[in-house]
PDB file of N, CA and C in Angstrom:
ATOM      1  N   MET A   1      10.958  62.662  79.564  1.00  0.00           N
ATOM      2  CA  MET A   1      11.639  63.544  79.981  1.00  0.00           C
ATOM      3  C   MET A   1      12.270  63.447  81.510  1.00  0.00           C
ATOM      4  N   LYS A   2      11.180  63.143  82.509  1.00  0.00           N
ATOM      5  CA  LYS A   2      11.711  62.827  83.839  1.00  0.00           C
ATOM      6  C   LYS A   2      12.712  61.762  84.035  1.00  0.00           C
ATOM      7  N   HIS A   3      12.317  60.545  83.126  1.00  0.00           N
ATOM      8  CA  HIS A   3      12.725  59.049  83.384  1.00  0.00           C
ATOM      9  C   HIS A   3      14.314  59.480  82.916  1.00  0.00           C
ATOM     10  N   ASN A   4      14.513  60.095  81.949  1.00  0.00           N
ATOM     11  CA  ASN A   4      15.913  60.499  81.297  1.00  0.00           C
ATOM     12  C   ASN A   4      16.968  61.188  82.497  1.00  0.00           C
ATOM     13  N   LEU A   5      16.188  62.027  83.156  1.00  0.00           N
ATOM     14  CA  LEU A   5      16.917  62.884  84.265  1.00  0.00           C
ATOM     15  C   LEU A   5      17.102  62.122  85.541  1.00  0.00           C
ATOM     16  N   ASP A   6      16.423  61.468  85.716  1.00  0.00           N
ATOM     17  CA  ASP A   6      16.604  60.435  87.467  1.00  0.00           C
ATOM     18  C   ASP A   6      16.632  59.175  87.265  1.00  0.00           C
ATOM     19  N   SER A   7      16.993  58.738  86.246  1.00  0.00           N
ATOM     20  CA  SER A   7      17.036  57.123  86.096  1.00  0.00           C
ATOM     21  C   SER A   7      18.669  57.143  86.167  1.00  0.00           C
ATOM     22  N   GLY A   8      18.857  55.908  86.308  1.00  0.00           N
ATOM     23  CA  GLY A   8      20.241  55.117  86.338  1.00  0.00           C
ATOM     24  C   GLY A   8      20.755  54.690  87.573  1.00  0.00           C
ATOM     25  N   GLN A   9      21.925  54.635  87.811  1.00  0.00           N
ATOM     26  CA  GLN A   9      22.792  54.248  88.871  1.00  0.00           C
ATOM     27  C   GLN A   9      22.803  55.178  89.953  1.00  0.00           C
ATOM     28  N   PHE A  10      23.201  54.851  90.965  1.00  0.00           N
ATOM     29  CA  PHE A  10      22.898  55.808  92.099  1.00  0.00           C
ATOM     30  C   PHE A  10      24.347  56.607  92.066  1.00  0.00           C
ATOM     31  N   THR A  11      24.251  57.635  92.544  1.00  0.00           N
ATOM     32  CA  THR A  11      25.809  58.583  92.021  1.00  0.00           C
ATOM     33  C   THR A  11      26.700  57.910  92.723  1.00  0.00           C
ATOM     34  N   ALA A  12      26.960  57.419  93.738  1.00  0.00           N
ATOM     35  CA  ALA A  12      27.743  56.911  94.802  1.00  0.00           C
ATOM     36  C   ALA A  12      28.408  55.455  93.869  1.00  0.00           C
ATOM     37  N   ILE A  13      27.447  55.026  93.456  1.00  0.00           N
ATOM     38  CA  ILE A  13      27.800  53.624  92.499  1.00  0.00           C
ATOM     39  C   ILE A  13      28.583  54.008  91.133  1.00  0.00           C
ATOM     40  N   GLN A  14      28.031  55.079  90.565  1.00  0.00           N
ATOM     41  CA  GLN A  14      28.863  55.758  89.532  1.00  0.00           C
ATOM     42  C   GLN A  14      30.321  56.292  89.886  1.00  0.00           C
ATOM     43  N   GLU A  15      30.307  57.050  91.007  1.00  0.00           N
ATOM     44  CA  GLU A  15      31.897  57.251  91.278  1.00  0.00           C
ATOM     45  C   GLU A  15      32.684  56.445  91.577  1.00  0.00           C
ATOM     46  N   ALA A  16      32.189  55.158  92.235  1.00  0.00           N
ATOM     47  CA  ALA A  16      33.060  54.077  92.655  1.00  0.00           C
ATOM     48  C   ALA A  16      33.297  53.334  91.345  1.00  0.00           C
ATOM     49  N   GLY A  17      32.588  53.277  90.382  1.00  0.00           N
ATOM     50  CA  GLY A  17      33.136  52.539  89.203  1.00  0.00           C
ATOM     51  C   GLY A  17      34.258  53.528  88.478  1.00  0.00           C
ATOM     52  N   VAL A  18      34.252  54.724  88.530  1.00  0.00           N
ATOM     53  CA  VAL A  18      35.014  55.739  87.890  1.00  0.00           C
ATOM     54  C   VAL A  18      36.541  55.397  88.720  1.00  0.00           C
ATOM     55  N   GLU A  19      36.373  55.378  89.982  1.00  0.00           N
ATOM     56  CA  GLU A  19      37.585  55.320  90.670  1.00  0.00           C
ATOM     57  C   GLU A  19      38.019  53.597  90.396  1.00  0.00           C
ATOM     58  N   ALA A  20      37.240  52.697  90.016  1.00  0.00           N
ATOM     59  CA  ALA A  20      37.966  51.506  89.710  1.00  0.00           C
ATOM     60  C   ALA A  20      38.204  51.448  88.407  1.00  0.00           C
ATOM     61  N   LEU A  21      37.647  52.399  87.490  1.00  0.00           N
ATOM     62  CA  LEU A  21      38.516  52.400  85.960  1.00  0.00           C
ATOM     63  C   LEU A  21      39.575  52.993  86.143  1.00  0.00           C
ATOM     64  N   LYS A  22      40.056  54.253  86.956  1.00  0.00           N
ATOM     65  CA  LYS A  22      40.996  54.612  87.032  1.00  0.00           C
ATOM     66  C   LYS A  22      41.948  53.948  88.053  1.00  0.00           C
ATOM     67  N   ASN A  23      41.927  53.353  88.933  1.00  0.00           N
ATOM     68  CA  ASN A  23      42.751  52.456  90.049  1.00  0.00           C
ATOM     69  C   ASN A  23      42.950  50.974  90.145  1.00  0.00           C
ATOM     70  N   GLY A  24      41.812  50.566  89.327  1.00  0.00           N
ATOM     71  CA  GLY A  24      41.707  49.233  89.375  1.00  0.00           C
ATOM     72  C   GLY A  24      42.975  48.448  89.254  1.00  0.00           C
ATOM     73  N   ASP A  25      43.563  48.531  88.317  1.00  0.00           N
ATOM     74  CA  ASP A  25      44.872  47.752  88.159  1.00  0.00           C
ATOM     75  C   ASP A  25      45.816  47.898  89.509  1.00  0.00           C
ATOM     76  N   ARG A  26      45.745  48.979  90.227  1.00  0.00           N
ATOM     77  CA  ARG A  26      47.125  49.167  91.152  1.00  0.00           C
ATOM     78  C   ARG A  26      46.122  48.567  92.500  1.00  0.00           C
ATOM     79  N   PHE A  27      45.198  48.511  92.556  1.00  0.00           N
ATOM     80  CA  PHE A  27      44.712  47.762  93.510  1.00  0.00           C
ATOM     81  C   PHE A  27      44.457  46.205  93.366  1.00  0.00           C
ATOM     82  N   ALA A  28      44.389  45.865  92.600  1.00  0.00           N
ATOM     83  CA  ALA A  28      44.504  44.268  92.166  1.00  0.00           C
ATOM     84  C   ALA A  28      45.486  43.938  92.296  1.00  0.00           C
ATOM     85  N   GLN A  29      47.087  44.577  91.938  1.00  0.00           N
ATOM     86  CA  GLN A  29      48.360  43.964  91.974  1.00  0.00           C
ATOM     87  C   GLN A  29      48.356  44.164  93.587  1.00  0.00           C
ATOM     88  N   GLU A  30      48.042  45.106  94.505  1.00  0.00           N
ATOM     89  CA  GLU A  30      48.069  45.106  95.880  1.00  0.00           C
ATOM     90  C   GLU A  30      47.448  43.720  96.559  1.00  0.00           C
ATOM     91  N   MET A  31      46.217  43.661  95.874  1.00  0.00           N
ATOM     92  CA  MET A  31      45.800  42.555  96.462  1.00  0.00           C
ATOM     93  C   MET A  31      46.453  41.134  96.235  1.00  0.00           C
ATOM     94  N   ARG A  32      46.895  40.837  95.235  1.00  0.00           N
ATOM     95  CA  ARG A  32      47.373  39.791  94.270  1.00  0.00           C
ATOM     96  C   ARG A  32      48.693  39.802  95.358  1.00  0.00           C
ATOM     97  N   ASN A  33      49.962  40.622  95.649  1.00  0.00           N
ATOM     98  CA  ASN A  33      50.694  40.769  96.656  1.00  0.00           C
ATOM     99  C   ASN A  33      50.321  39.984  97.810  1.00  0.00           C
ATOM    100  N   ILE A  34      49.287  40.677  98.758  1.00  0.00           N
ATOM    101  CA  ILE A  34      48.866  40.223 100.101  1.00  0.00           C
ATOM    102  C   ILE A  34      48.792  38.900  99.962  1.00  0.00           C
ATOM    103  N   TYR A  35      47.695  38.334  99.110  1.00  0.00           N
ATOM    104  CA  TYR A  35      46.989  36.864  98.959  1.00  0.00           C
ATOM    105  C   TYR A  35      48.329  36.135  98.579  1.00  0.00           C
ATOM    106  N   SER A  36      49.431  36.650  97.768  1.00  0.00           N
ATOM    107  CA  SER A  36      50.905  35.688  97.861  1.00  0.00           C
ATOM    108  C   SER A  36      51.653  35.755  99.284  1.00  0.00           C
ATOM    109  N   GLN A  37      51.620  36.576  99.711  1.00  0.00           N
ATOM    110  CA  GLN A  37      52.709  36.642 101.142  1.00  0.00           C
ATOM    111  C   GLN A  37      51.824  35.569 102.127  1.00  0.00           C
ATOM    112  N   ARG A  38      50.378  35.606 102.133  1.00  0.00           N
ATOM    113  CA  ARG A  38      49.621  34.769 103.020  1.00  0.00           C
ATOM    114  C   ARG A  38      49.862  33.653 102.614  1.00  0.00           C
ATOM    115  N   SER A  39      49.837  33.429 101.233  1.00  0.00           N
ATOM    116  CA  SER A  39      50.073  31.886 100.434  1.00  0.00           C
ATOM    117  C   SER A  39      51.250  31.019 100.923  1.00  0.00           C
ATOM    118  N   ASP A  40      52.345  32.279 101.018  1.00  0.00           N
ATOM    119  CA  ASP A  40      53.683  31.838 101.080  1.00  0.00           C
ATOM    120  C   ASP A  40      53.751  31.013 102.736  1.00  0.00           C
ATOM    121  N   ILE A  41      52.944  32.087 103.629  1.00  0.00           N
ATOM    122  CA  ILE A  41      52.902  31.761 105.132  1.00  0.00           C
ATOM    123  C   ILE A  41      52.324  30.406 105.374  1.00  0.00           C
ATOM    124  N   CYS A  42      51.301  30.115 104.664  1.00  0.00           N
ATOM    125  CA  CYS A  42      50.699  29.165 104.832  1.00  0.00           C
ATOM    126  C   CYS A  42      51.277  27.595 104.258  1.00  0.00           C
ATOM    127  N   VAL A  43      51.973  27.972 103.186  1.00  0.00           N
ATOM    128  CA  VAL A  43      52.992  26.916 102.730  1.00  0.00           C
ATOM    129  C   VAL A  43      54.113  26.264 103.321  1.00  0.00           C
ATOM    130  N   ASN A  44      54.490  27.542 103.859  1.00  0.00           N
ATOM    131  CA  ASN A  44      55.701  27.139 104.556  1.00  0.00           C
ATOM    132  C   ASN A  44      55.365  26.534 106.086  1.00  0.00           C
ATOM    133  N   ALA A  45      54.221  27.041 106.817  1.00  0.00           N
ATOM    134  CA  ALA A  45      53.848  26.141 107.625  1.00  0.00           C
ATOM    135  C   ALA A  45      53.483  24.867 107.763  1.00  0.00           C
ATOM    136  N   SER A  46      52.537  24.523 106.844  1.00  0.00           N
ATOM    137  CA  SER A  46      52.466  23.081 106.500  1.00  0.00           C
ATOM    138  C   SER A  46      53.607  22.519 106.175  1.00  0.00           C
ATOM    139  N   LYS A  47      54.787  22.801 105.283  1.00  0.00           N
ATOM    140  CA  LYS A  47      55.865  22.412 105.239  1.00  0.00           C
ATOM    141  C   LYS A  47      56.541  21.961 106.519  1.00  0.00           C
ATOM    142  N   GLU A  48      56.729  22.951 107.616  1.00  0.00           N
ATOM    143  CA  GLU A  48      57.251  22.987 108.983  1.00  0.00           C
ATOM    144  C   GLU A  48      56.512  21.929 109.497  1.00  0.00           C
ATOM    145  N   MET A  49      55.330  21.421 109.523  1.00  0.00           N
ATOM    146  CA  MET A  49      54.575  20.348 109.956  1.00  0.00           C
ATOM    147  C   MET A  49      54.600  19.140 109.294  1.00  0.00           C
ATOM    148  N   LYS A  50      55.518  18.955 108.466  1.00  0.00           N
ATOM    149  CA  LYS A  50      55.665  17.543 107.547  1.00  0.00           C
ATOM    150  C   LYS A  50      54.308  17.369 106.821  1.00  0.00           C
ATOM    151  N   ILE A  51      53.678  18.327 106.447  1.00  0.00           N
ATOM    152  CA  ILE A  51      52.204  18.253 105.337  1.00  0.00           C
ATOM    153  C   ILE A  51      52.972  18.683 104.113  1.00  0.00           C
ATOM    154  N   GLU A  52      53.036  17.872 103.107  1.00  0.00           N
ATOM    155  CA  GLU A  52      53.216  18.424 101.572  1.00  0.00           C
ATOM    156  C   GLU A  52      52.601  19.640 100.986  1.00  0.00           C
ATOM    157  N   ALA A  53      53.068  20.514 100.711  1.00  0.00           N
ATOM    158  CA  ALA A  53      52.264  21.246  99.897  1.00  0.00           C
ATOM    159  C   ALA A  53      52.981  22.359  99.057  1.00  0.00           C
ATOM    160  N   GLU A  54      52.380  22.756  97.972  1.00  0.00           N
ATOM    161  CA  GLU A  54      53.349  23.517  96.951  1.00  0.00           C
ATOM    162  C   GLU A  54      52.517  25.007  97.021  1.00  0.00           C
ATOM    163  N   LYS A  55      53.262  26.002  96.353  1.00  0.00           N
ATOM    164  CA  LYS A  55      52.621  27.241  96.475  1.00  0.00           C
ATOM    165  C   LYS A  55      51.784  26.905  95.272  1.00  0.00           C
ATOM    166  N   PRO A  56      50.011  27.718  94.943  1.00  0.00           N
ATOM    167  CA  PRO A  56      49.233  27.593  94.165  1.00  0.00           C
ATOM    168  C   PRO A  56      49.633  28.480  92.948  1.00  0.00           C
ATOM    169  N   LYS A  57      49.505  28.192  91.742  1.00  0.00           N
ATOM    170  CA  LYS A  57      49.970  29.428  90.691  1.00  0.00           C
ATOM    171  C   LYS A  57      49.247  30.378  90.763  1.00  0.00           C
TER     172      LYS A  57
END
């Protein structure tokens, strides 16, 4: 019985998992937007230095 009561993931990990399931898509989209902006900056800077570059897919 003790094993079933106090075994499992640390509570904070469980709560983080719940939050990720609730808001993970929004967070992932925000990160994709940030990486896209950074990629644009790098590609444009490369082109200004006459380095052939194209935006990753």
